[in-house]
């Protein structure tokens, strides 16, 4: 299974950094799910929950009030 590199950071500390199967984010135009090798994108995020699916089958969630997503070269960076 191909994995996606994901980094989630707050101004004051890192929240998550690792390889994941997928990440679902609350985009301002609607919820979107990113998988490995997703096309490049930059998107604002609205209040909601980021859902992280790990290779182990375990899920992790992060609540946000807003943020920005950048995806390129199989690496997603989310600033919250």
PDB file of N, CA and C in Angstrom:
ATOM      1  N   UNK A   1       0.840  -1.172   0.000  1.00  0.00           N
ATOM      2  CA  UNK A   1       0.000   0.000   0.000  1.00  0.00           C
ATOM      3  C   UNK A   1       0.892   1.245   0.000  1.00  0.00           C
ATOM      4  N   UNK A   2       0.583   2.181  -0.878  1.00  0.00           N
ATOM      5  CA  UNK A   2       1.359   3.416  -0.925  1.00  0.00           C
ATOM      6  C   UNK A   2       0.932   4.336   0.211  1.00  0.00           C
ATOM      7  N   UNK A   3       1.912   5.034   0.771  1.00  0.00           N
ATOM      8  CA  UNK A   3       1.647   5.917   1.901  1.00  0.00           C
ATOM      9  C   UNK A   3       1.931   7.364   1.530  1.00  0.00           C
ATOM     10  N   UNK A   4       1.332   8.254   2.286  1.00  0.00           N
ATOM     11  CA  UNK A   4       1.445   9.690   2.126  1.00  0.00           C
ATOM     12  C   UNK A   4       2.203  10.238   3.327  1.00  0.00           C
ATOM     13  N   UNK A   5       3.143  11.132   3.113  1.00  0.00           N
ATOM     14  CA  UNK A   5       3.842  11.792   4.219  1.00  0.00           C
ATOM     15  C   UNK A   5       2.985  12.957   4.695  1.00  0.00           C
ATOM     16  N   UNK A   6       2.720  13.021   5.993  1.00  0.00           N
ATOM     17  CA  UNK A   6       1.843  14.045   6.561  1.00  0.00           C
ATOM     18  C   UNK A   6       2.526  14.751   7.715  1.00  0.00           C
ATOM     19  N   UNK A   7       2.479  16.085   7.676  1.00  0.00           N
ATOM     20  CA  UNK A   7       2.952  16.909   8.783  1.00  0.00           C
ATOM     21  C   UNK A   7       1.831  17.865   9.162  1.00  0.00           C
ATOM     22  N   UNK A   8       1.453  17.863  10.439  1.00  0.00           N
ATOM     23  CA  UNK A   8       0.478  18.826  10.958  1.00  0.00           C
ATOM     24  C   UNK A   8       1.185  19.605  12.051  1.00  0.00           C
ATOM     25  N   UNK A   9       1.157  20.943  11.943  1.00  0.00           N
ATOM     26  CA  UNK A   9       1.853  21.786  12.921  1.00  0.00           C
ATOM     27  C   UNK A   9       0.984  22.949  13.361  1.00  0.00           C
ATOM     28  N   UNK A  10       1.112  23.283  14.630  1.00  0.00           N
ATOM     29  CA  UNK A  10       0.564  24.529  15.171  1.00  0.00           C
ATOM     30  C   UNK A  10       1.732  25.504  15.228  1.00  0.00           C
ATOM     31  N   UNK A  11       1.435  26.753  15.441  1.00  0.00           N
ATOM     32  CA  UNK A  11       2.493  27.764  15.526  1.00  0.00           C
ATOM     33  C   UNK A  11       3.505  27.395  16.605  1.00  0.00           C
ATOM     34  N   UNK A  12       3.027  26.870  17.720  1.00  0.00           N
ATOM     35  CA  UNK A  12       3.892  26.636  18.873  1.00  0.00           C
ATOM     36  C   UNK A  12       4.439  25.213  19.000  1.00  0.00           C
ATOM     37  N   UNK A  13       3.889  24.238  18.238  1.00  0.00           N
ATOM     38  CA  UNK A  13       4.375  22.868  18.386  1.00  0.00           C
ATOM     39  C   UNK A  13       3.898  21.970  17.250  1.00  0.00           C
ATOM     40  N   UNK A  14       4.664  20.901  16.966  1.00  0.00           N
ATOM     41  CA  UNK A  14       4.201  19.929  15.971  1.00  0.00           C
ATOM     42  C   UNK A  14       3.072  19.082  16.558  1.00  0.00           C
ATOM     43  N   UNK A  15       2.114  18.697  15.732  1.00  0.00           N
ATOM     44  CA  UNK A  15       0.974  17.902  16.174  1.00  0.00           C
ATOM     45  C   UNK A  15       1.089  16.459  15.678  1.00  0.00           C
ATOM     46  N   UNK A  16       1.516  16.290  14.421  1.00  0.00           N
ATOM     47  CA  UNK A  16       1.652  14.951  13.839  1.00  0.00           C
ATOM     48  C   UNK A  16       2.702  15.000  12.743  1.00  0.00           C
ATOM     49  N   UNK A  17       3.511  13.951  12.652  1.00  0.00           N
ATOM     50  CA  UNK A  17       4.491  13.848  11.572  1.00  0.00           C
ATOM     51  C   UNK A  17       4.724  12.366  11.297  1.00  0.00           C
ATOM     52  N   UNK A  18       4.309  11.898  10.125  1.00  0.00           N
ATOM     53  CA  UNK A  18       4.502  10.492   9.812  1.00  0.00           C
ATOM     54  C   UNK A  18       3.859  10.103   8.496  1.00  0.00           C
ATOM     55  N   UNK A  19       3.927   8.809   8.176  1.00  0.00           N
ATOM     56  CA  UNK A  19       3.331   8.282   6.956  1.00  0.00           C
ATOM     57  C   UNK A  19       1.937   7.752   7.267  1.00  0.00           C
ATOM     58  N   UNK A  20       0.986   8.055   6.381  1.00  0.00           N
ATOM     59  CA  UNK A  20      -0.405   7.663   6.588  1.00  0.00           C
ATOM     60  C   UNK A  20      -0.982   7.097   5.293  1.00  0.00           C
ATOM     61  N   UNK A  21      -2.088   6.368   5.422  1.00  0.00           N
ATOM     62  CA  UNK A  21      -2.814   5.856   4.265  1.00  0.00           C
ATOM     63  C   UNK A  21      -3.614   6.988   3.627  1.00  0.00           C
ATOM     64  N   UNK A  22      -4.275   7.805   4.472  1.00  0.00           N
ATOM     65  CA  UNK A  22      -5.065   8.924   3.967  1.00  0.00           C
ATOM     66  C   UNK A  22      -5.249   9.964   5.057  1.00  0.00           C
ATOM     67  N   UNK A  23      -5.620  11.159   4.622  1.00  0.00           N
ATOM     68  CA  UNK A  23      -5.989  12.216   5.555  1.00  0.00           C
ATOM     69  C   UNK A  23      -7.212  12.915   4.975  1.00  0.00           C
ATOM     70  N   UNK A  24      -8.236  13.101   5.810  1.00  0.00           N
ATOM     71  CA  UNK A  24      -9.461  13.779   5.403  1.00  0.00           C
ATOM     72  C   UNK A  24      -9.524  15.104   6.146  1.00  0.00           C
ATOM     73  N   UNK A  25      -9.750  16.186   5.389  1.00  0.00           N
ATOM     74  CA  UNK A  25      -9.714  17.529   5.966  1.00  0.00           C
ATOM     75  C   UNK A  25     -11.001  18.285   5.658  1.00  0.00           C
ATOM     76  N   UNK A  26     -11.364  19.254   6.536  1.00  0.00           N
ATOM     77  CA  UNK A  26     -12.547  20.076   6.298  1.00  0.00           C
ATOM     78  C   UNK A  26     -12.204  21.297   5.443  1.00  0.00           C
ATOM     79  N   UNK A  27     -12.184  21.140   4.135  1.00  0.00           N
ATOM     80  CA  UNK A  27     -11.895  22.260   3.237  1.00  0.00           C
ATOM     81  C   UNK A  27     -13.049  23.251   3.228  1.00  0.00           C
ATOM     82  N   UNK A  28     -12.775  24.487   2.870  1.00  0.00           N
ATOM     83  CA  UNK A  28     -13.838  25.498   2.836  1.00  0.00           C
ATOM     84  C   UNK A  28     -14.874  25.194   1.755  1.00  0.00           C
ATOM     85  N   UNK A  29     -14.500  24.423   0.732  1.00  0.00           N
ATOM     86  CA  UNK A  29     -15.438  24.038  -0.328  1.00  0.00           C
ATOM     87  C   UNK A  29     -16.037  22.656  -0.066  1.00  0.00           C
ATOM     88  N   UNK A  30     -15.725  22.069   1.079  1.00  0.00           N
ATOM     89  CA  UNK A  30     -16.233  20.748   1.426  1.00  0.00           C
ATOM     90  C   UNK A  30     -15.120  19.826   1.876  1.00  0.00           C
ATOM     91  N   UNK A  31     -15.511  18.718   2.475  1.00  0.00           N
ATOM     92  CA  UNK A  31     -14.546  17.743   2.979  1.00  0.00           C
ATOM     93  C   UNK A  31     -13.795  17.097   1.813  1.00  0.00           C
ATOM     94  N   UNK A  32     -12.480  16.892   1.988  1.00  0.00           N
ATOM     95  CA  UNK A  32     -11.701  16.212   0.953  1.00  0.00           C
ATOM     96  C   UNK A  32     -10.741  15.218   1.593  1.00  0.00           C
ATOM     97  N   UNK A  33     -10.510  14.124   0.880  1.00  0.00           N
ATOM     98  CA  UNK A  33      -9.600  13.080   1.336  1.00  0.00           C
ATOM     99  C   UNK A  33      -8.412  13.009   0.395  1.00  0.00           C
ATOM    100  N   UNK A  34      -7.221  13.035   0.968  1.00  0.00           N
ATOM    101  CA  UNK A  34      -5.984  12.936   0.195  1.00  0.00           C
ATOM    102  C   UNK A  34      -5.383  11.552   0.389  1.00  0.00           C
ATOM    103  N   UNK A  35      -4.950  10.954  -0.718  1.00  0.00           N
ATOM    104  CA  UNK A  35      -4.267   9.664  -0.716  1.00  0.00           C
ATOM    105  C   UNK A  35      -2.860   9.861  -1.253  1.00  0.00           C
ATOM    106  N   UNK A  36      -2.052   8.823  -1.216  1.00  0.00           N
ATOM    107  CA  UNK A  36      -0.685   8.894  -1.745  1.00  0.00           C
ATOM    108  C   UNK A  36      -0.705   9.376  -3.191  1.00  0.00           C
ATOM    109  N   UNK A  37       0.275  10.214  -3.522  1.00  0.00           N
ATOM    110  CA  UNK A  37       0.461  10.749  -4.876  1.00  0.00           C
ATOM    111  C   UNK A  37      -0.694  11.606  -5.375  1.00  0.00           C
ATOM    112  N   UNK A  38      -1.432  12.229  -4.458  1.00  0.00           N
ATOM    113  CA  UNK A  38      -2.492  13.170  -4.829  1.00  0.00           C
ATOM    114  C   UNK A  38      -1.865  14.326  -5.597  1.00  0.00           C
ATOM    115  N   UNK A  39      -2.601  14.918  -6.499  1.00  0.00           N
ATOM    116  CA  UNK A  39      -2.080  16.061  -7.254  1.00  0.00           C
ATOM    117  C   UNK A  39      -1.826  17.239  -6.313  1.00  0.00           C
ATOM    118  N   UNK A  40      -0.967  18.147  -6.739  1.00  0.00           N
ATOM    119  CA  UNK A  40      -0.611  19.311  -5.923  1.00  0.00           C
ATOM    120  C   UNK A  40      -1.845  20.173  -5.678  1.00  0.00           C
ATOM    121  N   UNK A  41      -1.967  20.673  -4.446  1.00  0.00           N
ATOM    122  CA  UNK A  41      -3.105  21.506  -4.078  1.00  0.00           C
ATOM    123  C   UNK A  41      -2.716  22.389  -2.900  1.00  0.00           C
ATOM    124  N   UNK A  42      -3.292  23.581  -2.861  1.00  0.00           N
ATOM    125  CA  UNK A  42      -3.231  24.457  -1.689  1.00  0.00           C
ATOM    126  C   UNK A  42      -4.671  24.831  -1.392  1.00  0.00           C
ATOM    127  N   UNK A  43      -5.094  24.679  -0.135  1.00  0.00           N
ATOM    128  CA  UNK A  43      -6.489  24.933   0.203  1.00  0.00           C
ATOM    129  C   UNK A  43      -6.616  25.469   1.620  1.00  0.00           C
ATOM    130  N   UNK A  44      -7.497  26.462   1.823  1.00  0.00           N
ATOM    131  CA  UNK A  44      -7.808  26.880   3.190  1.00  0.00           C
ATOM    132  C   UNK A  44      -8.694  25.820   3.842  1.00  0.00           C
ATOM    133  N   UNK A  45      -8.607  25.723   5.155  1.00  0.00           N
ATOM    134  CA  UNK A  45      -9.419  24.777   5.908  1.00  0.00           C
ATOM    135  C   UNK A  45     -10.322  25.534   6.862  1.00  0.00           C
ATOM    136  N   UNK A  46     -11.501  24.969   7.122  1.00  0.00           N
ATOM    137  CA  UNK A  46     -12.436  25.587   8.053  1.00  0.00           C
ATOM    138  C   UNK A  46     -12.500  24.762   9.337  1.00  0.00           C
ATOM    139  N   UNK A  47     -13.285  25.228  10.280  1.00  0.00           N
ATOM    140  CA  UNK A  47     -13.446  24.522  11.545  1.00  0.00           C
ATOM    141  C   UNK A  47     -13.986  23.115  11.295  1.00  0.00           C
ATOM    142  N   UNK A  48     -13.403  22.166  11.981  1.00  0.00           N
ATOM    143  CA  UNK A  48     -13.836  20.784  11.829  1.00  0.00           C
ATOM    144  C   UNK A  48     -12.800  19.821  12.367  1.00  0.00           C
ATOM    145  N   UNK A  49     -12.788  18.617  11.829  1.00  0.00           N
ATOM    146  CA  UNK A  49     -11.894  17.564  12.305  1.00  0.00           C
ATOM    147  C   UNK A  49     -11.067  17.005  11.156  1.00  0.00           C
ATOM    148  N   UNK A  50      -9.768  16.883  11.399  1.00  0.00           N
ATOM    149  CA  UNK A  50      -8.872  16.203  10.468  1.00  0.00           C
ATOM    150  C   UNK A  50      -8.850  14.738  10.888  1.00  0.00           C
ATOM    151  N   UNK A  51      -9.121  13.833   9.947  1.00  0.00           N
ATOM    152  CA  UNK A  51      -9.113  12.399  10.235  1.00  0.00           C
ATOM    153  C   UNK A  51      -7.915  11.760   9.544  1.00  0.00           C
ATOM    154  N   UNK A  52      -7.056  11.139  10.338  1.00  0.00           N
ATOM    155  CA  UNK A  52      -5.831  10.509   9.850  1.00  0.00           C
ATOM    156  C   UNK A  52      -6.014   8.997   9.911  1.00  0.00           C
ATOM    157  N   UNK A  53      -5.822   8.314   8.778  1.00  0.00           N
ATOM    158  CA  UNK A  53      -5.888   6.844   8.741  1.00  0.00           C
ATOM    159  C   UNK A  53      -4.469   6.307   8.605  1.00  0.00           C
ATOM    160  N   UNK A  54      -4.036   5.555   9.615  1.00  0.00           N
ATOM    161  CA  UNK A  54      -2.683   5.002   9.635  1.00  0.00           C
ATOM    162  C   UNK A  54      -2.648   3.621   8.983  1.00  0.00           C
ATOM    163  N   UNK A  55      -1.458   3.188   8.582  1.00  0.00           N
ATOM    164  CA  UNK A  55      -1.286   1.884   7.939  1.00  0.00           C
ATOM    165  C   UNK A  55      -1.705   0.742   8.867  1.00  0.00           C
ATOM    166  N   UNK A  56      -1.568   0.937  10.164  1.00  0.00           N
ATOM    167  CA  UNK A  56      -1.935  -0.087  11.145  1.00  0.00           C
ATOM    168  C   UNK A  56      -3.446  -0.298  11.232  1.00  0.00           C
ATOM    169  N   UNK A  57      -4.226   0.585  10.578  1.00  0.00           N
ATOM    170  CA  UNK A  57      -5.680   0.516  10.666  1.00  0.00           C
ATOM    171  C   UNK A  57      -6.233   1.443  11.728  1.00  0.00           C
ATOM    172  N   UNK A  58      -5.345   1.996  12.533  1.00  0.00           N
ATOM    173  CA  UNK A  58      -5.725   2.919  13.598  1.00  0.00           C
ATOM    174  C   UNK A  58      -6.057   4.286  12.990  1.00  0.00           C
ATOM    175  N   UNK A  59      -7.070   4.956  13.557  1.00  0.00           N
ATOM    176  CA  UNK A  59      -7.429   6.310  13.149  1.00  0.00           C
ATOM    177  C   UNK A  59      -7.041   7.290  14.243  1.00  0.00           C
ATOM    178  N   UNK A  60      -6.699   8.497  13.838  1.00  0.00           N
ATOM    179  CA  UNK A  60      -6.392   9.571  14.779  1.00  0.00           C
ATOM    180  C   UNK A  60      -7.121  10.807  14.274  1.00  0.00           C
ATOM    181  N   UNK A  61      -7.622  11.639  15.188  1.00  0.00           N
ATOM    182  CA  UNK A  61      -8.313  12.849  14.758  1.00  0.00           C
ATOM    183  C   UNK A  61      -7.743  14.065  15.471  1.00  0.00           C
ATOM    184  N   UNK A  62      -7.818  15.205  14.774  1.00  0.00           N
ATOM    185  CA  UNK A  62      -7.340  16.476  15.308  1.00  0.00           C
ATOM    186  C   UNK A  62      -8.419  17.514  15.029  1.00  0.00           C
ATOM    187  N   UNK A  63      -8.933  18.167  16.070  1.00  0.00           N
ATOM    188  CA  UNK A  63      -9.926  19.229  15.895  1.00  0.00           C
ATOM    189  C   UNK A  63      -9.219  20.533  15.576  1.00  0.00           C
ATOM    190  N   UNK A  64      -9.774  21.283  14.600  1.00  0.00           N
ATOM    191  CA  UNK A  64      -9.169  22.559  14.215  1.00  0.00           C
ATOM    192  C   UNK A  64     -10.246  23.640  14.121  1.00  0.00           C
ATOM    193  N   UNK A  65      -9.824  24.892  14.212  1.00  0.00           N
ATOM    194  CA  UNK A  65     -10.733  26.016  13.993  1.00  0.00           C
ATOM    195  C   UNK A  65     -10.521  26.618  12.610  1.00  0.00           C
ATOM    196  N   UNK A  66      -9.315  26.473  12.065  1.00  0.00           N
ATOM    197  CA  UNK A  66      -8.991  26.917  10.707  1.00  0.00           C
ATOM    198  C   UNK A  66      -7.596  26.402  10.380  1.00  0.00           C
ATOM    199  N   UNK A  67      -7.173  26.596   9.135  1.00  0.00           N
ATOM    200  CA  UNK A  67      -5.834  26.161   8.761  1.00  0.00           C
ATOM    201  C   UNK A  67      -5.603  26.274   7.273  1.00  0.00           C
ATOM    202  N   UNK A  68      -4.439  25.782   6.860  1.00  0.00           N
ATOM    203  CA  UNK A  68      -4.062  25.771   5.453  1.00  0.00           C
ATOM    204  C   UNK A  68      -3.428  24.425   5.131  1.00  0.00           C
ATOM    205  N   UNK A  69      -3.805  23.874   3.986  1.00  0.00           N
ATOM    206  CA  UNK A  69      -3.272  22.602   3.509  1.00  0.00           C
ATOM    207  C   UNK A  69      -2.442  22.854   2.263  1.00  0.00           C
ATOM    208  N   UNK A  70      -1.257  22.250   2.209  1.00  0.00           N
ATOM    209  CA  UNK A  70      -0.459  22.243   0.985  1.00  0.00           C
ATOM    210  C   UNK A  70      -0.066  20.802   0.708  1.00  0.00           C
ATOM    211  N   UNK A  71      -0.284  20.359  -0.526  1.00  0.00           N
ATOM    212  CA  UNK A  71       0.076  19.003  -0.928  1.00  0.00           C
ATOM    213  C   UNK A  71       0.928  19.074  -2.177  1.00  0.00           C
ATOM    214  N   UNK A  72       2.126  18.476  -2.132  1.00  0.00           N
ATOM    215  CA  UNK A  72       2.972  18.357  -3.323  1.00  0.00           C
ATOM    216  C   UNK A  72       4.010  17.272  -3.078  1.00  0.00           C
ATOM    217  N   UNK A  73       4.414  16.604  -4.152  1.00  0.00           N
ATOM    218  CA  UNK A  73       5.445  15.561  -4.086  1.00  0.00           C
ATOM    219  C   UNK A  73       5.183  14.522  -2.999  1.00  0.00           C
ATOM    220  N   UNK A  74       3.926  14.091  -2.877  1.00  0.00           N
ATOM    221  CA  UNK A  74       3.509  13.071  -1.918  1.00  0.00           C
ATOM    222  C   UNK A  74       3.722  13.482  -0.462  1.00  0.00           C
ATOM    223  N   UNK A  75       3.725  14.781  -0.196  1.00  0.00           N
ATOM    224  CA  UNK A  75       3.845  15.285   1.173  1.00  0.00           C
ATOM    225  C   UNK A  75       2.758  16.323   1.413  1.00  0.00           C
ATOM    226  N   UNK A  76       1.928  16.078   2.421  1.00  0.00           N
ATOM    227  CA  UNK A  76       0.886  17.026   2.813  1.00  0.00           C
ATOM    228  C   UNK A  76       1.348  17.750   4.073  1.00  0.00           C
ATOM    229  N   UNK A  77       1.262  19.073   4.037  1.00  0.00           N
ATOM    230  CA  UNK A  77       1.584  19.895   5.198  1.00  0.00           C
ATOM    231  C   UNK A  77       0.334  20.668   5.580  1.00  0.00           C
ATOM    232  N   UNK A  78      -0.053  20.570   6.842  1.00  0.00           N
ATOM    233  CA  UNK A  78      -1.220  21.286   7.337  1.00  0.00           C
ATOM    234  C   UNK A  78      -0.764  22.187   8.470  1.00  0.00           C
ATOM    235  N   UNK A  79      -1.012  23.481   8.321  1.00  0.00           N
ATOM    236  CA  UNK A  79      -0.713  24.459   9.363  1.00  0.00           C
ATOM    237  C   UNK A  79      -2.021  24.865  10.012  1.00  0.00           C
ATOM    238  N   UNK A  80      -2.099  24.720  11.343  1.00  0.00           N
ATOM    239  CA  UNK A  80      -3.338  25.042  12.058  1.00  0.00           C
ATOM    240  C   UNK A  80      -3.079  26.036  13.165  1.00  0.00           C
TER     241      UNK A  80
END
